[in-house]
Amino acid sequence: MIETDEGFELTRRQLAMLENGIVSLRREMLPHESRNYWYFAQGIVAMIRKLRADIDAYLGIDKFQEDVEPEGEEEVAVSVRSEDLP
């Protein structure tokens, strides 16, 4: 469970390390030993899911519903003209 911004940053770094690890494992093992890849990847995937859930909870993302807008909030259309861009 993340309780501070520092904990959030640490969790993001841990998540990046796990994602890099599974990319490496996938690159090295999947083409030749797919059964072993899935076996070894299970633990990493479980940890990635846990860290992502922790991040979502800290940011409040887990409370959002995709099909429901907050009460009192109106949809705002934003347009950007190409001449406004740097």
PDB file of N, CA and C in Angstrom:
ATOM      1  N   MET A   1       0.836  -1.174   0.000  1.00  0.00           N
ATOM      2  CA  MET A   1       0.000   0.000   0.000  1.00  0.00           C
ATOM      3  C   MET A   1       0.890   1.249   0.000  1.00  0.00           C
ATOM      4  N   ILE A   2       0.577   2.152  -0.891  1.00  0.00           N
ATOM      5  CA  ILE A   2       1.341   3.383  -1.018  1.00  0.00           C
ATOM      6  C   ILE A   2       0.676   4.459  -0.168  1.00  0.00           C
ATOM      7  N   GLU A   3       1.483   5.163   0.628  1.00  0.00           N
ATOM      8  CA  GLU A   3       0.921   6.189   1.513  1.00  0.00           C
ATOM      9  C   GLU A   3       1.504   7.580   1.279  1.00  0.00           C
ATOM     10  N   THR A   4       2.624   7.663   0.558  1.00  0.00           N
ATOM     11  CA  THR A   4       3.270   8.955   0.346  1.00  0.00           C
ATOM     12  C   THR A   4       3.718   9.079  -1.105  1.00  0.00           C
ATOM     13  N   ASP A   5       4.040  10.305  -1.496  1.00  0.00           N
ATOM     14  CA  ASP A   5       4.581  10.510  -2.846  1.00  0.00           C
ATOM     15  C   ASP A   5       5.899   9.767  -3.026  1.00  0.00           C
ATOM     16  N   GLU A   6       6.702   9.697  -1.963  1.00  0.00           N
ATOM     17  CA  GLU A   6       7.971   8.974  -2.044  1.00  0.00           C
ATOM     18  C   GLU A   6       7.712   7.473  -2.259  1.00  0.00           C
ATOM     19  N   GLY A   7       6.714   6.954  -1.573  1.00  0.00           N
ATOM     20  CA  GLY A   7       6.335   5.561  -1.765  1.00  0.00           C
ATOM     21  C   GLY A   7       5.823   5.307  -3.171  1.00  0.00           C
ATOM     22  N   PHE A   8       5.111   6.286  -3.707  1.00  0.00           N
ATOM     23  CA  PHE A   8       4.619   6.203  -5.079  1.00  0.00           C
ATOM     24  C   PHE A   8       5.787   6.110  -6.059  1.00  0.00           C
ATOM     25  N   GLU A   9       6.780   6.995  -5.890  1.00  0.00           N
ATOM     26  CA  GLU A   9       7.943   6.986  -6.785  1.00  0.00           C
ATOM     27  C   GLU A   9       8.721   5.671  -6.670  1.00  0.00           C
ATOM     28  N   LEU A  10       8.877   5.167  -5.464  1.00  0.00           N
ATOM     29  CA  LEU A  10       9.560   3.891  -5.261  1.00  0.00           C
ATOM     30  C   LEU A  10       8.801   2.770  -5.964  1.00  0.00           C
ATOM     31  N   THR A  11       7.498   2.767  -5.847  1.00  0.00           N
ATOM     32  CA  THR A  11       6.680   1.736  -6.487  1.00  0.00           C
ATOM     33  C   THR A  11       6.796   1.822  -8.002  1.00  0.00           C
ATOM     34  N   ARG A  12       6.820   3.036  -8.535  1.00  0.00           N
ATOM     35  CA  ARG A  12       7.000   3.194  -9.990  1.00  0.00           C
ATOM     36  C   ARG A  12       8.347   2.633 -10.446  1.00  0.00           C
ATOM     37  N   ARG A  13       9.387   2.874  -9.668  1.00  0.00           N
ATOM     38  CA  ARG A  13      10.712   2.332 -10.025  1.00  0.00           C
ATOM     39  C   ARG A  13      10.705   0.804  -9.957  1.00  0.00           C
ATOM     40  N   GLN A  14      10.058   0.255  -8.933  1.00  0.00           N
ATOM     41  CA  GLN A  14       9.971  -1.201  -8.810  1.00  0.00           C
ATOM     42  C   GLN A  14       9.202  -1.794  -9.988  1.00  0.00           C
ATOM     43  N   LEU A  15       8.120  -1.142 -10.366  1.00  0.00           N
ATOM     44  CA  LEU A  15       7.326  -1.601 -11.500  1.00  0.00           C
ATOM     45  C   LEU A  15       8.156  -1.593 -12.779  1.00  0.00           C
ATOM     46  N   ALA A  16       8.907  -0.540 -12.991  1.00  0.00           N
ATOM     47  CA  ALA A  16       9.761  -0.450 -14.185  1.00  0.00           C
ATOM     48  C   ALA A  16      10.794  -1.572 -14.201  1.00  0.00           C
ATOM     49  N   MET A  17      11.368  -1.874 -13.057  1.00  0.00           N
ATOM     50  CA  MET A  17      12.358  -2.950 -12.980  1.00  0.00           C
ATOM     51  C   MET A  17      11.713  -4.295 -13.324  1.00  0.00           C
ATOM     52  N   LEU A  18      10.529  -4.548 -12.796  1.00  0.00           N
ATOM     53  CA  LEU A  18       9.834  -5.806 -13.098  1.00  0.00           C
ATOM     54  C   LEU A  18       9.463  -5.892 -14.574  1.00  0.00           C
ATOM     55  N   GLU A  19       8.986  -4.782 -15.135  1.00  0.00           N
ATOM     56  CA  GLU A  19       8.634  -4.779 -16.552  1.00  0.00           C
ATOM     57  C   GLU A  19       9.860  -5.002 -17.424  1.00  0.00           C
ATOM     58  N   ASN A  20      10.982  -4.383 -17.067  1.00  0.00           N
ATOM     59  CA  ASN A  20      12.220  -4.618 -17.811  1.00  0.00           C
ATOM     60  C   ASN A  20      12.665  -6.070 -17.690  1.00  0.00           C
ATOM     61  N   GLY A  21      12.476  -6.635 -16.511  1.00  0.00           N
ATOM     62  CA  GLY A  21      12.848  -8.027 -16.295  1.00  0.00           C
ATOM     63  C   GLY A  21      12.027  -8.983 -17.137  1.00  0.00           C
ATOM     64  N   ILE A  22      10.727  -8.733 -17.222  1.00  0.00           N
ATOM     65  CA  ILE A  22       9.889  -9.637 -18.006  1.00  0.00           C
ATOM     66  C   ILE A  22      10.136  -9.463 -19.506  1.00  0.00           C
ATOM     67  N   VAL A  23      10.493  -8.251 -19.916  1.00  0.00           N
ATOM     68  CA  VAL A  23      10.861  -8.041 -21.322  1.00  0.00           C
ATOM     69  C   VAL A  23      12.104  -8.857 -21.653  1.00  0.00           C
ATOM     70  N   SER A  24      13.079  -8.810 -20.783  1.00  0.00           N
ATOM     71  CA  SER A  24      14.313  -9.568 -20.989  1.00  0.00           C
ATOM     72  C   SER A  24      14.034 -11.074 -21.000  1.00  0.00           C
ATOM     73  N   LEU A  25      13.238 -11.517 -20.034  1.00  0.00           N
ATOM     74  CA  LEU A  25      12.878 -12.933 -19.969  1.00  0.00           C
ATOM     75  C   LEU A  25      12.139 -13.354 -21.233  1.00  0.00           C
ATOM     76  N   ARG A  26      11.233 -12.523 -21.687  1.00  0.00           N
ATOM     77  CA  ARG A  26      10.475 -12.820 -22.904  1.00  0.00           C
ATOM     78  C   ARG A  26      11.400 -12.916 -24.114  1.00  0.00           C
ATOM     79  N   ARG A  27      12.305 -11.958 -24.224  1.00  0.00           N
ATOM     80  CA  ARG A  27      13.222 -11.922 -25.361  1.00  0.00           C
ATOM     81  C   ARG A  27      14.125 -13.160 -25.386  1.00  0.00           C
ATOM     82  N   GLU A  28      14.629 -13.534 -24.227  1.00  0.00           N
ATOM     83  CA  GLU A  28      15.590 -14.631 -24.153  1.00  0.00           C
ATOM     84  C   GLU A  28      14.950 -16.011 -24.144  1.00  0.00           C
ATOM     85  N   MET A  29      13.810 -16.145 -23.488  1.00  0.00           N
ATOM     86  CA  MET A  29      13.277 -17.473 -23.240  1.00  0.00           C
ATOM     87  C   MET A  29      12.086 -17.851 -24.121  1.00  0.00           C
ATOM     88  N   LEU A  30      11.198 -16.929 -24.385  1.00  0.00           N
ATOM     89  CA  LEU A  30       9.957 -17.271 -25.081  1.00  0.00           C
ATOM     90  C   LEU A  30      10.169 -17.935 -26.436  1.00  0.00           C
ATOM     91  N   PRO A  31      11.078 -17.435 -27.272  1.00  0.00           N
ATOM     92  CA  PRO A  31      11.224 -18.066 -28.592  1.00  0.00           C
ATOM     93  C   PRO A  31      11.685 -19.530 -28.532  1.00  0.00           C
ATOM     94  N   HIS A  32      12.385 -19.903 -27.471  1.00  0.00           N
ATOM     95  CA  HIS A  32      12.985 -21.231 -27.419  1.00  0.00           C
ATOM     96  C   HIS A  32      12.349 -22.148 -26.381  1.00  0.00           C
ATOM     97  N   GLU A  33      11.898 -21.570 -25.288  1.00  0.00           N
ATOM     98  CA  GLU A  33      11.380 -22.367 -24.178  1.00  0.00           C
ATOM     99  C   GLU A  33      10.093 -21.743 -23.651  1.00  0.00           C
ATOM    100  N   SER A  34       9.056 -21.778 -24.455  1.00  0.00           N
ATOM    101  CA  SER A  34       7.827 -21.071 -24.092  1.00  0.00           C
ATOM    102  C   SER A  34       7.213 -21.602 -22.794  1.00  0.00           C
ATOM    103  N   ARG A  35       7.283 -22.891 -22.554  1.00  0.00           N
ATOM    104  CA  ARG A  35       6.716 -23.440 -21.313  1.00  0.00           C
ATOM    105  C   ARG A  35       7.455 -22.875 -20.102  1.00  0.00           C
ATOM    106  N   ASN A  36       8.754 -22.815 -20.161  1.00  0.00           N
ATOM    107  CA  ASN A  36       9.535 -22.252 -19.055  1.00  0.00           C
ATOM    108  C   ASN A  36       9.284 -20.749 -18.899  1.00  0.00           C
ATOM    109  N   TYR A  37       9.099 -20.054 -20.026  1.00  0.00           N
ATOM    110  CA  TYR A  37       8.815 -18.628 -19.951  1.00  0.00           C
ATOM    111  C   TYR A  37       7.560 -18.399 -19.127  1.00  0.00           C
ATOM    112  N   TRP A  38       6.484 -19.094 -19.457  1.00  0.00           N
ATOM    113  CA  TRP A  38       5.220 -18.905 -18.745  1.00  0.00           C
ATOM    114  C   TRP A  38       5.360 -19.288 -17.281  1.00  0.00           C
ATOM    115  N   TYR A  39       6.156 -20.305 -17.004  1.00  0.00           N
ATOM    116  CA  TYR A  39       6.377 -20.716 -15.617  1.00  0.00           C
ATOM    117  C   TYR A  39       7.093 -19.613 -14.828  1.00  0.00           C
ATOM    118  N   PHE A  40       8.185 -19.103 -15.375  1.00  0.00           N
ATOM    119  CA  PHE A  40       8.965 -18.079 -14.677  1.00  0.00           C
ATOM    120  C   PHE A  40       8.261 -16.720 -14.659  1.00  0.00           C
ATOM    121  N   ALA A  41       7.476 -16.446 -15.682  1.00  0.00           N
ATOM    122  CA  ALA A  41       6.809 -15.142 -15.780  1.00  0.00           C
ATOM    123  C   ALA A  41       5.657 -15.001 -14.793  1.00  0.00           C
ATOM    124  N   GLN A  42       5.080 -16.088 -14.330  1.00  0.00           N
ATOM    125  CA  GLN A  42       3.914 -16.029 -13.445  1.00  0.00           C
ATOM    126  C   GLN A  42       4.129 -15.126 -12.229  1.00  0.00           C
ATOM    127  N   GLY A  43       5.216 -15.326 -11.544  1.00  0.00           N
ATOM    128  CA  GLY A  43       5.510 -14.538 -10.347  1.00  0.00           C
ATOM    129  C   GLY A  43       5.716 -13.069 -10.657  1.00  0.00           C
ATOM    130  N   ILE A  44       6.399 -12.800 -11.759  1.00  0.00           N
ATOM    131  CA  ILE A  44       6.652 -11.417 -12.154  1.00  0.00           C
ATOM    132  C   ILE A  44       5.340 -10.738 -12.518  1.00  0.00           C
ATOM    133  N   VAL A  45       4.496 -11.431 -13.257  1.00  0.00           N
ATOM    134  CA  VAL A  45       3.207 -10.869 -13.659  1.00  0.00           C
ATOM    135  C   VAL A  45       2.342 -10.579 -12.434  1.00  0.00           C
ATOM    136  N   ALA A  46       2.337 -11.479 -11.474  1.00  0.00           N
ATOM    137  CA  ALA A  46       1.557 -11.268 -10.248  1.00  0.00           C
ATOM    138  C   ALA A  46       2.036 -10.014  -9.512  1.00  0.00           C
ATOM    139  N   MET A  47       3.333  -9.829  -9.449  1.00  0.00           N
ATOM    140  CA  MET A  47       3.880  -8.660  -8.766  1.00  0.00           C
ATOM    141  C   MET A  47       3.581  -7.380  -9.542  1.00  0.00           C
ATOM    142  N   ILE A  48       3.673  -7.428 -10.874  1.00  0.00           N
ATOM    143  CA  ILE A  48       3.339  -6.271 -11.706  1.00  0.00           C
ATOM    144  C   ILE A  48       1.889  -5.871 -11.469  1.00  0.00           C
ATOM    145  N   ARG A  49       0.995  -6.839 -11.455  1.00  0.00           N
ATOM    146  CA  ARG A  49      -0.422  -6.544 -11.227  1.00  0.00           C
ATOM    147  C   ARG A  49      -0.650  -5.928  -9.851  1.00  0.00           C
ATOM    148  N   LYS A  50       0.050  -6.422  -8.847  1.00  0.00           N
ATOM    149  CA  LYS A  50      -0.093  -5.887  -7.498  1.00  0.00           C
ATOM    150  C   LYS A  50       0.388  -4.439  -7.440  1.00  0.00           C
ATOM    151  N   LEU A  51       1.552  -4.168  -8.017  1.00  0.00           N
ATOM    152  CA  LEU A  51       2.087  -2.805  -7.995  1.00  0.00           C
ATOM    153  C   LEU A  51       1.190  -1.850  -8.772  1.00  0.00           C
ATOM    154  N   ARG A  52       0.667  -2.305  -9.908  1.00  0.00           N
ATOM    155  CA  ARG A  52      -0.247  -1.451 -10.685  1.00  0.00           C
ATOM    156  C   ARG A  52      -1.517  -1.161  -9.887  1.00  0.00           C
ATOM    157  N   ALA A  53      -2.027  -2.155  -9.178  1.00  0.00           N
ATOM    158  CA  ALA A  53      -3.215  -1.951  -8.343  1.00  0.00           C
ATOM    159  C   ALA A  53      -2.911  -0.970  -7.214  1.00  0.00           C
ATOM    160  N   ASP A  54      -1.723  -1.081  -6.620  1.00  0.00           N
ATOM    161  CA  ASP A  54      -1.323  -0.140  -5.574  1.00  0.00           C
ATOM    162  C   ASP A  54      -1.253   1.288  -6.111  1.00  0.00           C
ATOM    163  N   ILE A  55      -0.684   1.444  -7.308  1.00  0.00           N
ATOM    164  CA  ILE A  55      -0.584   2.763  -7.936  1.00  0.00           C
ATOM    165  C   ILE A  55      -1.977   3.301  -8.230  1.00  0.00           C
ATOM    166  N   ASP A  56      -2.844   2.467  -8.788  1.00  0.00           N
ATOM    167  CA  ASP A  56      -4.209   2.899  -9.093  1.00  0.00           C
ATOM    168  C   ASP A  56      -4.941   3.333  -7.827  1.00  0.00           C
ATOM    169  N   ALA A  57      -4.754   2.604  -6.741  1.00  0.00           N
ATOM    170  CA  ALA A  57      -5.408   2.957  -5.483  1.00  0.00           C
ATOM    171  C   ALA A  57      -4.873   4.283  -4.949  1.00  0.00           C
ATOM    172  N   TYR A  58      -3.563   4.482  -5.008  1.00  0.00           N
ATOM    173  CA  TYR A  58      -2.966   5.718  -4.509  1.00  0.00           C
ATOM    174  C   TYR A  58      -3.459   6.933  -5.299  1.00  0.00           C
ATOM    175  N   LEU A  59      -3.562   6.781  -6.619  1.00  0.00           N
ATOM    176  CA  LEU A  59      -3.985   7.881  -7.479  1.00  0.00           C
ATOM    177  C   LEU A  59      -5.503   8.037  -7.536  1.00  0.00           C
ATOM    178  N   GLY A  60      -6.231   7.058  -7.012  1.00  0.00           N
ATOM    179  CA  GLY A  60      -7.685   7.105  -7.049  1.00  0.00           C
ATOM    180  C   GLY A  60      -8.268   6.591  -8.344  1.00  0.00           C
ATOM    181  N   ILE A  61      -7.428   6.051  -9.202  1.00  0.00           N
ATOM    182  CA  ILE A  61      -7.884   5.538 -10.493  1.00  0.00           C
ATOM    183  C   ILE A  61      -8.842   4.366 -10.301  1.00  0.00           C
ATOM    184  N   ASP A  62      -8.640   3.599  -9.259  1.00  0.00           N
ATOM    185  CA  ASP A  62      -9.493   2.436  -9.021  1.00  0.00           C
ATOM    186  C   ASP A  62     -10.932   2.827  -8.701  1.00  0.00           C
ATOM    187  N   LYS A  63     -11.175   4.088  -8.395  1.00  0.00           N
ATOM    188  CA  LYS A  63     -12.518   4.560  -8.056  1.00  0.00           C
ATOM    189  C   LYS A  63     -13.298   5.044  -9.281  1.00  0.00           C
ATOM    190  N   PHE A  64     -12.617   5.259 -10.399  1.00  0.00           N
ATOM    191  CA  PHE A  64     -13.274   5.749 -11.606  1.00  0.00           C
ATOM    192  C   PHE A  64     -14.061   4.634 -12.284  1.00  0.00           C
ATOM    193  N   GLN A  65     -15.182   5.034 -12.853  1.00  0.00           N
ATOM    194  CA  GLN A  65     -15.948   4.136 -13.701  1.00  0.00           C
ATOM    195  C   GLN A  65     -15.924   4.743 -15.082  1.00  0.00           C
ATOM    196  N   GLU A  66     -15.613   3.937 -16.063  1.00  0.00           N
ATOM    197  CA  GLU A  66     -15.441   4.457 -17.411  1.00  0.00           C
ATOM    198  C   GLU A  66     -16.714   5.057 -17.996  1.00  0.00           C
ATOM    199  N   ASP A  67     -17.868   4.549 -17.632  1.00  0.00           N
ATOM    200  CA  ASP A  67     -19.095   4.989 -18.263  1.00  0.00           C
ATOM    201  C   ASP A  67     -19.874   6.022 -17.450  1.00  0.00           C
ATOM    202  N   VAL A  68     -19.302   6.510 -16.357  1.00  0.00           N
ATOM    203  CA  VAL A  68     -20.017   7.444 -15.503  1.00  0.00           C
ATOM    204  C   VAL A  68     -19.196   8.716 -15.321  1.00  0.00           C
ATOM    205  N   GLU A  69     -19.832   9.872 -15.554  1.00  0.00           N
ATOM    206  CA  GLU A  69     -19.171  11.146 -15.299  1.00  0.00           C
ATOM    207  C   GLU A  69     -19.489  11.591 -13.885  1.00  0.00           C
ATOM    208  N   PRO A  70     -18.574  12.265 -13.209  1.00  0.00           N
ATOM    209  CA  PRO A  70     -18.869  12.789 -11.878  1.00  0.00           C
ATOM    210  C   PRO A  70     -20.042  13.764 -11.937  1.00  0.00           C
ATOM    211  N   GLU A  71     -20.854  13.768 -10.891  1.00  0.00           N
ATOM    212  CA  GLU A  71     -22.000  14.675 -10.842  1.00  0.00           C
ATOM    213  C   GLU A  71     -21.529  16.118 -10.902  1.00  0.00           C
ATOM    214  N   GLY A  72     -22.287  16.918 -11.646  1.00  0.00           N
ATOM    215  CA  GLY A  72     -21.975  18.333 -11.725  1.00  0.00           C
ATOM    216  C   GLY A  72     -20.875  18.655 -12.723  1.00  0.00           C
ATOM    217  N   GLU A  73     -20.254  17.648 -13.266  1.00  0.00           N
ATOM    218  CA  GLU A  73     -19.183  17.877 -14.231  1.00  0.00           C
ATOM    219  C   GLU A  73     -19.763  17.809 -15.634  1.00  0.00           C
ATOM    220  N   GLU A  74     -19.380  18.722 -16.469  1.00  0.00           N
ATOM    221  CA  GLU A  74     -19.808  18.713 -17.852  1.00  0.00           C
ATOM    222  C   GLU A  74     -18.621  18.384 -18.732  1.00  0.00           C
ATOM    223  N   GLU A  75     -18.897  17.727 -19.833  1.00  0.00           N
ATOM    224  CA  GLU A  75     -17.842  17.419 -20.782  1.00  0.00           C
ATOM    225  C   GLU A  75     -17.377  18.713 -21.432  1.00  0.00           C
ATOM    226  N   VAL A  76     -16.078  18.865 -21.561  1.00  0.00           N
ATOM    227  CA  VAL A  76     -15.508  20.077 -22.143  1.00  0.00           C
ATOM    228  C   VAL A  76     -14.775  19.688 -23.411  1.00  0.00           C
ATOM    229  N   ALA A  77     -15.121  20.346 -24.496  1.00  0.00           N
ATOM    230  CA  ALA A  77     -14.443  20.094 -25.761  1.00  0.00           C
ATOM    231  C   ALA A  77     -13.248  21.039 -25.871  1.00  0.00           C
ATOM    232  N   VAL A  78     -12.132  20.502 -26.297  1.00  0.00           N
ATOM    233  CA  VAL A  78     -10.930  21.296 -26.451  1.00  0.00           C
ATOM    234  C   VAL A  78     -10.453  21.131 -27.879  1.00  0.00           C
ATOM    235  N   SER A  79     -10.161  22.247 -28.516  1.00  0.00           N
ATOM    236  CA  SER A  79      -9.615  22.159 -29.855  1.00  0.00           C
ATOM    237  C   SER A  79      -8.301  22.927 -29.889  1.00  0.00           C
ATOM    238  N   VAL A  80      -7.378  22.408 -30.652  1.00  0.00           N
ATOM    239  CA  VAL A  80      -6.071  23.046 -30.790  1.00  0.00           C
ATOM    240  C   VAL A  80      -5.819  23.242 -32.275  1.00  0.00           C
ATOM    241  N   ARG A  81      -5.494  24.474 -32.623  1.00  0.00           N
ATOM    242  CA  ARG A  81      -5.165  24.759 -34.006  1.00  0.00           C
ATOM    243  C   ARG A  81      -3.678  24.558 -34.226  1.00  0.00           C
ATOM    244  N   SER A  82      -3.309  24.090 -35.383  1.00  0.00           N
ATOM    245  CA  SER A  82      -1.892  23.832 -35.658  1.00  0.00           C
ATOM    246  C   SER A  82      -1.060  25.090 -35.513  1.00  0.00           C
ATOM    247  N   GLU A  83      -1.624  26.256 -35.804  1.00  0.00           N
ATOM    248  CA  GLU A  83      -0.855  27.494 -35.675  1.00  0.00           C
ATOM    249  C   GLU A  83      -0.608  27.887 -34.209  1.00  0.00           C
ATOM    250  N   ASP A  84      -1.347  27.255 -33.273  1.00  0.00           N
ATOM    251  CA  ASP A  84      -1.124  27.515 -31.859  1.00  0.00           C
ATOM    252  C   ASP A  84       0.008  26.682 -31.270  1.00  0.00           C
ATOM    253  N   LEU A  85       0.437  25.658 -32.008  1.00  0.00           N
ATOM    254  CA  LEU A  85       1.492  24.774 -31.507  1.00  0.00           C
ATOM    255  C   LEU A  85       2.868  25.385 -31.767  1.00  0.00           C
ATOM    256  N   PRO A  86       3.821  25.070 -30.868  1.00  0.00           N
ATOM    257  CA  PRO A  86       5.171  25.615 -31.062  1.00  0.00           C
ATOM    258  C   PRO A  86       5.863  25.026 -32.265  1.00  0.00           C
TER     259      PRO A  86
END
